[in-house]
Amino acid sequence: MNTLAEIEAAAESLPPEQKEELLRFLTARIHVAGEEPYKARLVRRDNDVLLEAPPGAPPMTTENVKRMLEDWP
């Protein structure tokens, strides 16, 4: 496999469990600079503040959300 199209075709042919494993693998390596992989984060879009929680992020308990809001600028 040498091209992105070949990689995408191979990924599409995987069973669901292996697609999830591939997603976790890629997410662990590609993340916003300075942030831990699998970490939920608050983002601002237009006039809204949204919570983005990628697969594998810790559960969004009341305590975790409060902690995130305390760190929000």
PDB file of N, CA and C in Angstrom:
ATOM      1  N   MET A   1       0.837  -1.182   0.000  1.00  0.00           N
ATOM      2  CA  MET A   1       0.000   0.000   0.000  1.00  0.00           C
ATOM      3  C   MET A   1       0.880   1.242   0.000  1.00  0.00           C
ATOM      4  N   ASN A   2       0.677   2.047  -1.013  1.00  0.00           N
ATOM      5  CA  ASN A   2       1.504   3.244  -1.129  1.00  0.00           C
ATOM      6  C   ASN A   2       0.713   4.537  -1.168  1.00  0.00           C
ATOM      7  N   THR A   3      -0.559   4.460  -1.477  1.00  0.00           N
ATOM      8  CA  THR A   3      -1.332   5.696  -1.603  1.00  0.00           C
ATOM      9  C   THR A   3      -2.419   5.756  -0.543  1.00  0.00           C
ATOM     10  N   LEU A   4      -2.883   6.959  -0.295  1.00  0.00           N
ATOM     11  CA  LEU A   4      -3.966   7.142   0.661  1.00  0.00           C
ATOM     12  C   LEU A   4      -5.206   6.384   0.214  1.00  0.00           C
ATOM     13  N   ALA A   5      -5.484   6.368  -1.082  1.00  0.00           N
ATOM     14  CA  ALA A   5      -6.658   5.647  -1.598  1.00  0.00           C
ATOM     15  C   ALA A   5      -6.565   4.156  -1.281  1.00  0.00           C
ATOM     16  N   GLU A   6      -5.378   3.581  -1.401  1.00  0.00           N
ATOM     17  CA  GLU A   6      -5.193   2.159  -1.081  1.00  0.00           C
ATOM     18  C   GLU A   6      -5.390   1.911   0.410  1.00  0.00           C
ATOM     19  N   ILE A   7      -4.886   2.802   1.224  1.00  0.00           N
ATOM     20  CA  ILE A   7      -5.038   2.668   2.677  1.00  0.00           C
ATOM     21  C   ILE A   7      -6.503   2.795   3.064  1.00  0.00           C
ATOM     22  N   GLU A   8      -7.196   3.777   2.474  1.00  0.00           N
ATOM     23  CA  GLU A   8      -8.622   3.950   2.761  1.00  0.00           C
ATOM     24  C   GLU A   8      -9.419   2.718   2.352  1.00  0.00           C
ATOM     25  N   ALA A   9      -9.124   2.148   1.188  1.00  0.00           N
ATOM     26  CA  ALA A   9      -9.831   0.950   0.724  1.00  0.00           C
ATOM     27  C   ALA A   9      -9.580  -0.218   1.672  1.00  0.00           C
ATOM     28  N   ALA A  10      -8.347  -0.358   2.127  1.00  0.00           N
ATOM     29  CA  ALA A  10      -8.030  -1.435   3.067  1.00  0.00           C
ATOM     30  C   ALA A  10      -8.758  -1.226   4.388  1.00  0.00           C
ATOM     31  N   ALA A  11      -8.813   0.011   4.861  1.00  0.00           N
ATOM     32  CA  ALA A  11      -9.510   0.304   6.122  1.00  0.00           C
ATOM     33  C   ALA A  11     -10.995   0.005   5.991  1.00  0.00           C
ATOM     34  N   GLU A  12     -11.589   0.329   4.853  1.00  0.00           N
ATOM     35  CA  GLU A  12     -13.016   0.061   4.637  1.00  0.00           C
ATOM     36  C   GLU A  12     -13.327  -1.427   4.657  1.00  0.00           C
ATOM     37  N   SER A  13     -12.372  -2.245   4.263  1.00  0.00           N
ATOM     38  CA  SER A  13     -12.624  -3.689   4.198  1.00  0.00           C
ATOM     39  C   SER A  13     -12.487  -4.379   5.558  1.00  0.00           C
ATOM     40  N   LEU A  14     -12.015  -3.661   6.573  1.00  0.00           N
ATOM     41  CA  LEU A  14     -11.838  -4.256   7.900  1.00  0.00           C
ATOM     42  C   LEU A  14     -13.184  -4.510   8.575  1.00  0.00           C
ATOM     43  N   PRO A  15     -13.245  -5.552   9.433  1.00  0.00           N
ATOM     44  CA  PRO A  15     -14.448  -5.743  10.244  1.00  0.00           C
ATOM     45  C   PRO A  15     -14.535  -4.624  11.292  1.00  0.00           C
ATOM     46  N   PRO A  16     -15.733  -4.377  11.827  1.00  0.00           N
ATOM     47  CA  PRO A  16     -15.936  -3.260  12.765  1.00  0.00           C
ATOM     48  C   PRO A  16     -14.953  -3.229  13.940  1.00  0.00           C
ATOM     49  N   GLU A  17     -14.629  -4.384  14.515  1.00  0.00           N
ATOM     50  CA  GLU A  17     -13.714  -4.394  15.675  1.00  0.00           C
ATOM     51  C   GLU A  17     -12.342  -3.868  15.282  1.00  0.00           C
ATOM     52  N   GLN A  18     -11.873  -4.263  14.100  1.00  0.00           N
ATOM     53  CA  GLN A  18     -10.558  -3.817  13.665  1.00  0.00           C
ATOM     54  C   GLN A  18     -10.577  -2.348  13.247  1.00  0.00           C
ATOM     55  N   LYS A  19     -11.712  -1.859  12.753  1.00  0.00           N
ATOM     56  CA  LYS A  19     -11.825  -0.429  12.453  1.00  0.00           C
ATOM     57  C   LYS A  19     -11.698   0.378  13.740  1.00  0.00           C
ATOM     58  N   GLU A  20     -12.338  -0.095  14.819  1.00  0.00           N
ATOM     59  CA  GLU A  20     -12.230   0.591  16.114  1.00  0.00           C
ATOM     60  C   GLU A  20     -10.785   0.589  16.601  1.00  0.00           C
ATOM     61  N   GLU A  21     -10.113  -0.548  16.445  1.00  0.00           N
ATOM     62  CA  GLU A  21      -8.710  -0.646  16.862  1.00  0.00           C
ATOM     63  C   GLU A  21      -7.846   0.322  16.051  1.00  0.00           C
ATOM     64  N   LEU A  22      -8.097   0.402  14.751  1.00  0.00           N
ATOM     65  CA  LEU A  22      -7.363   1.333  13.896  1.00  0.00           C
ATOM     66  C   LEU A  22      -7.620   2.777  14.314  1.00  0.00           C
ATOM     67  N   LEU A  23      -8.867   3.085  14.621  1.00  0.00           N
ATOM     68  CA  LEU A  23      -9.211   4.435  15.064  1.00  0.00           C
ATOM     69  C   LEU A  23      -8.476   4.793  16.355  1.00  0.00           C
ATOM     70  N   ARG A  24      -8.441   3.868  17.307  1.00  0.00           N
ATOM     71  CA  ARG A  24      -7.713   4.126  18.560  1.00  0.00           C
ATOM     72  C   ARG A  24      -6.223   4.337  18.290  1.00  0.00           C
ATOM     73  N   PHE A  25      -5.673   3.524  17.399  1.00  0.00           N
ATOM     74  CA  PHE A  25      -4.257   3.640  17.039  1.00  0.00           C
ATOM     75  C   PHE A  25      -3.959   5.027  16.459  1.00  0.00           C
ATOM     76  N   LEU A  26      -4.775   5.453  15.492  1.00  0.00           N
ATOM     77  CA  LEU A  26      -4.547   6.753  14.854  1.00  0.00           C
ATOM     78  C   LEU A  26      -4.782   7.908  15.816  1.00  0.00           C
ATOM     79  N   THR A  27      -5.807   7.796  16.628  1.00  0.00           N
ATOM     80  CA  THR A  27      -6.120   8.855  17.586  1.00  0.00           C
ATOM     81  C   THR A  27      -4.991   9.032  18.589  1.00  0.00           C
ATOM     82  N   ALA A  28      -4.353   7.939  18.972  1.00  0.00           N
ATOM     83  CA  ALA A  28      -3.253   8.011  19.931  1.00  0.00           C
ATOM     84  C   ALA A  28      -2.053   8.756  19.354  1.00  0.00           C
ATOM     85  N   ARG A  29      -1.936   8.761  18.039  1.00  0.00           N
ATOM     86  CA  ARG A  29      -0.780   9.389  17.410  1.00  0.00           C
ATOM     87  C   ARG A  29      -1.054  10.772  16.840  1.00  0.00           C
ATOM     88  N   ILE A  30      -2.320  11.043  16.554  1.00  0.00           N
ATOM     89  CA  ILE A  30      -2.680  12.332  15.961  1.00  0.00           C
ATOM     90  C   ILE A  30      -3.616  13.042  16.918  1.00  0.00           C
ATOM     91  N   HIS A  31      -3.151  14.078  17.550  1.00  0.00           N
ATOM     92  CA  HIS A  31      -3.982  14.818  18.488  1.00  0.00           C
ATOM     93  C   HIS A  31      -3.568  16.283  18.482  1.00  0.00           C
ATOM     94  N   VAL A  32      -4.379  17.109  19.051  1.00  0.00           N
ATOM     95  CA  VAL A  32      -4.086  18.538  19.118  1.00  0.00           C
ATOM     96  C   VAL A  32      -2.803  18.728  19.918  1.00  0.00           C
ATOM     97  N   ALA A  33      -1.910  19.530  19.411  1.00  0.00           N
ATOM     98  CA  ALA A  33      -0.624  19.752  20.074  1.00  0.00           C
ATOM     99  C   ALA A  33      -0.828  20.193  21.515  1.00  0.00           C
ATOM    100  N   GLY A  34      -0.105  19.543  22.419  1.00  0.00           N
ATOM    101  CA  GLY A  34      -0.166  19.920  23.821  1.00  0.00           C
ATOM    102  C   GLY A  34      -1.284  19.268  24.595  1.00  0.00           C
ATOM    103  N   GLU A  35      -2.126  18.485  23.934  1.00  0.00           N
ATOM    104  CA  GLU A  35      -3.211  17.812  24.646  1.00  0.00           C
ATOM    105  C   GLU A  35      -2.972  16.311  24.622  1.00  0.00           C
ATOM    106  N   GLU A  36      -3.446  15.665  25.643  1.00  0.00           N
ATOM    107  CA  GLU A  36      -3.322  14.222  25.711  1.00  0.00           C
ATOM    108  C   GLU A  36      -4.336  13.573  24.781  1.00  0.00           C
ATOM    109  N   PRO A  37      -3.954  12.440  24.139  1.00  0.00           N
ATOM    110  CA  PRO A  37      -4.940  11.731  23.330  1.00  0.00           C
ATOM    111  C   PRO A  37      -6.070  11.226  24.217  1.00  0.00           C
ATOM    112  N   TYR A  38      -7.219  11.073  23.665  1.00  0.00           N
ATOM    113  CA  TYR A  38      -8.402  10.559  24.365  1.00  0.00           C
ATOM    114  C   TYR A  38      -8.909  11.515  25.430  1.00  0.00           C
ATOM    115  N   LYS A  39      -8.481  12.744  25.422  1.00  0.00           N
ATOM    116  CA  LYS A  39      -8.920  13.689  26.439  1.00  0.00           C
ATOM    117  C   LYS A  39     -10.058  14.542  25.885  1.00  0.00           C
ATOM    118  N   ALA A  40     -11.130  14.633  26.627  1.00  0.00           N
ATOM    119  CA  ALA A  40     -12.230  15.503  26.225  1.00  0.00           C
ATOM    120  C   ALA A  40     -11.776  16.949  26.353  1.00  0.00           C
ATOM    121  N   ARG A  41     -12.380  17.815  25.544  1.00  0.00           N
ATOM    122  CA  ARG A  41     -11.998  19.222  25.613  1.00  0.00           C
ATOM    123  C   ARG A  41     -13.195  20.095  25.293  1.00  0.00           C
ATOM    124  N   LEU A  42     -13.143  21.306  25.776  1.00  0.00           N
ATOM    125  CA  LEU A  42     -14.170  22.298  25.475  1.00  0.00           C
ATOM    126  C   LEU A  42     -13.694  23.122  24.283  1.00  0.00           C
ATOM    127  N   VAL A  43     -14.599  23.356  23.342  1.00  0.00           N
ATOM    128  CA  VAL A  43     -14.264  24.164  22.172  1.00  0.00           C
ATOM    129  C   VAL A  43     -15.355  25.203  21.960  1.00  0.00           C
ATOM    130  N   ARG A  44     -14.969  26.330  21.401  1.00  0.00           N
ATOM    131  CA  ARG A  44     -15.938  27.393  21.126  1.00  0.00           C
ATOM    132  C   ARG A  44     -16.244  27.373  19.635  1.00  0.00           C
ATOM    133  N   ARG A  45     -17.535  27.305  19.311  1.00  0.00           N
ATOM    134  CA  ARG A  45     -17.992  27.390  17.923  1.00  0.00           C
ATOM    135  C   ARG A  45     -19.086  28.434  17.867  1.00  0.00           C
ATOM    136  N   ASP A  46     -18.839  29.471  17.108  1.00  0.00           N
ATOM    137  CA  ASP A  46     -19.758  30.607  17.036  1.00  0.00           C
ATOM    138  C   ASP A  46     -19.969  31.135  18.454  1.00  0.00           C
ATOM    139  N   ASN A  47     -21.194  31.119  18.955  1.00  0.00           N
ATOM    140  CA  ASN A  47     -21.472  31.596  20.314  1.00  0.00           C
ATOM    141  C   ASN A  47     -21.686  30.453  21.289  1.00  0.00           C
ATOM    142  N   ASP A  48     -21.337  29.237  20.877  1.00  0.00           N
ATOM    143  CA  ASP A  48     -21.567  28.066  21.722  1.00  0.00           C
ATOM    144  C   ASP A  48     -20.252  27.508  22.247  1.00  0.00           C
ATOM    145  N   VAL A  49     -20.311  26.906  23.418  1.00  0.00           N
ATOM    146  CA  VAL A  49     -19.192  26.149  23.962  1.00  0.00           C
ATOM    147  C   VAL A  49     -19.631  24.693  23.944  1.00  0.00           C
ATOM    148  N   LEU A  50     -18.837  23.857  23.258  1.00  0.00           N
ATOM    149  CA  LEU A  50     -19.187  22.453  23.090  1.00  0.00           C
ATOM    150  C   LEU A  50     -18.164  21.560  23.769  1.00  0.00           C
ATOM    151  N   LEU A  51     -18.618  20.431  24.237  1.00  0.00           N
ATOM    152  CA  LEU A  51     -17.740  19.430  24.828  1.00  0.00           C
ATOM    153  C   LEU A  51     -17.495  18.359  23.777  1.00  0.00           C
ATOM    154  N   GLU A  52     -16.233  18.178  23.396  1.00  0.00           N
ATOM    155  CA  GLU A  52     -15.863  17.135  22.454  1.00  0.00           C
ATOM    156  C   GLU A  52     -15.167  16.033  23.232  1.00  0.00           C
ATOM    157  N   ALA A  53     -15.715  14.834  23.155  1.00  0.00           N
ATOM    158  CA  ALA A  53     -15.134  13.689  23.851  1.00  0.00           C
ATOM    159  C   ALA A  53     -14.867  12.592  22.828  1.00  0.00           C
ATOM    160  N   PRO A  54     -13.602  12.352  22.480  1.00  0.00           N
ATOM    161  CA  PRO A  54     -13.284  11.326  21.501  1.00  0.00           C
ATOM    162  C   PRO A  54     -13.501   9.934  22.076  1.00  0.00           C
ATOM    163  N   PRO A  55     -13.580   8.918  21.215  1.00  0.00           N
ATOM    164  CA  PRO A  55     -13.686   7.550  21.725  1.00  0.00           C
ATOM    165  C   PRO A  55     -12.526   7.261  22.673  1.00  0.00           C
ATOM    166  N   GLY A  56     -12.804   6.661  23.789  1.00  0.00           N
ATOM    167  CA  GLY A  56     -11.767   6.334  24.759  1.00  0.00           C
ATOM    168  C   GLY A  56     -11.537   7.404  25.805  1.00  0.00           C
ATOM    169  N   ALA A  57     -12.226   8.530  25.697  1.00  0.00           N
ATOM    170  CA  ALA A  57     -12.076   9.592  26.698  1.00  0.00           C
ATOM    171  C   ALA A  57     -12.681   9.131  28.019  1.00  0.00           C
ATOM    172  N   PRO A  58     -12.190   9.653  29.141  1.00  0.00           N
ATOM    173  CA  PRO A  58     -12.781   9.300  30.436  1.00  0.00           C
ATOM    174  C   PRO A  58     -14.265   9.666  30.457  1.00  0.00           C
ATOM    175  N   PRO A  59     -15.052   8.999  31.292  1.00  0.00           N
ATOM    176  CA  PRO A  59     -16.483   9.302  31.356  1.00  0.00           C
ATOM    177  C   PRO A  59     -16.715  10.751  31.784  1.00  0.00           C
ATOM    178  N   MET A  60     -17.760  11.331  31.250  1.00  0.00           N
ATOM    179  CA  MET A  60     -18.075  12.723  31.558  1.00  0.00           C
ATOM    180  C   MET A  60     -18.950  12.795  32.805  1.00  0.00           C
ATOM    181  N   THR A  61     -18.315  12.546  33.925  1.00  0.00           N
ATOM    182  CA  THR A  61     -18.998  12.648  35.211  1.00  0.00           C
ATOM    183  C   THR A  61     -19.130  14.118  35.583  1.00  0.00           C
ATOM    184  N   THR A  62     -19.961  14.404  36.541  1.00  0.00           N
ATOM    185  CA  THR A  62     -20.133  15.779  37.007  1.00  0.00           C
ATOM    186  C   THR A  62     -18.795  16.362  37.442  1.00  0.00           C
ATOM    187  N   GLU A  63     -17.991  15.571  38.138  1.00  0.00           N
ATOM    188  CA  GLU A  63     -16.696  16.048  38.621  1.00  0.00           C
ATOM    189  C   GLU A  63     -15.762  16.385  37.457  1.00  0.00           C
ATOM    190  N   ASN A  64     -15.720  15.517  36.435  1.00  0.00           N
ATOM    191  CA  ASN A  64     -14.845  15.772  35.290  1.00  0.00           C
ATOM    192  C   ASN A  64     -15.266  17.028  34.537  1.00  0.00           C
ATOM    193  N   VAL A  65     -16.561  17.218  34.348  1.00  0.00           N
ATOM    194  CA  VAL A  65     -17.047  18.406  33.644  1.00  0.00           C
ATOM    195  C   VAL A  65     -16.741  19.661  34.455  1.00  0.00           C
ATOM    196  N   LYS A  66     -16.955  19.620  35.769  1.00  0.00           N
ATOM    197  CA  LYS A  66     -16.630  20.775  36.620  1.00  0.00           C
ATOM    198  C   LYS A  66     -15.150  21.125  36.513  1.00  0.00           C
ATOM    199  N   ARG A  67     -14.298  20.118  36.534  1.00  0.00           N
ATOM    200  CA  ARG A  67     -12.856  20.337  36.440  1.00  0.00           C
ATOM    201  C   ARG A  67     -12.508  21.008  35.110  1.00  0.00           C
ATOM    202  N   MET A  68     -13.124  20.548  34.032  1.00  0.00           N
ATOM    203  CA  MET A  68     -12.863  21.150  32.724  1.00  0.00           C
ATOM    204  C   MET A  68     -13.321  22.605  32.684  1.00  0.00           C
ATOM    205  N   LEU A  69     -14.474  22.873  33.274  1.00  0.00           N
ATOM    206  CA  LEU A  69     -14.997  24.239  33.278  1.00  0.00           C
ATOM    207  C   LEU A  69     -14.124  25.175  34.106  1.00  0.00           C
ATOM    208  N   GLU A  70     -13.516  24.663  35.176  1.00  0.00           N
ATOM    209  CA  GLU A  70     -12.617  25.485  35.990  1.00  0.00           C
ATOM    210  C   GLU A  70     -11.395  25.917  35.188  1.00  0.00           C
ATOM    211  N   ASP A  71     -10.942  25.058  34.264  1.00  0.00           N
ATOM    212  CA  ASP A  71      -9.766  25.361  33.447  1.00  0.00           C
ATOM    213  C   ASP A  71     -10.105  26.149  32.193  1.00  0.00           C
ATOM    214  N   TRP A  72     -11.391  26.331  31.919  1.00  0.00           N
ATOM    215  CA  TRP A  72     -11.814  27.026  30.698  1.00  0.00           C
ATOM    216  C   TRP A  72     -11.445  28.503  30.794  1.00  0.00           C
ATOM    217  N   PRO A  73     -10.862  29.035  29.714  1.00  0.00           N
ATOM    218  CA  PRO A  73     -10.428  30.443  29.755  1.00  0.00           C
ATOM    219  C   PRO A  73     -11.546  31.432  29.923  1.00  0.00           C
TER     220      PRO A  73
END
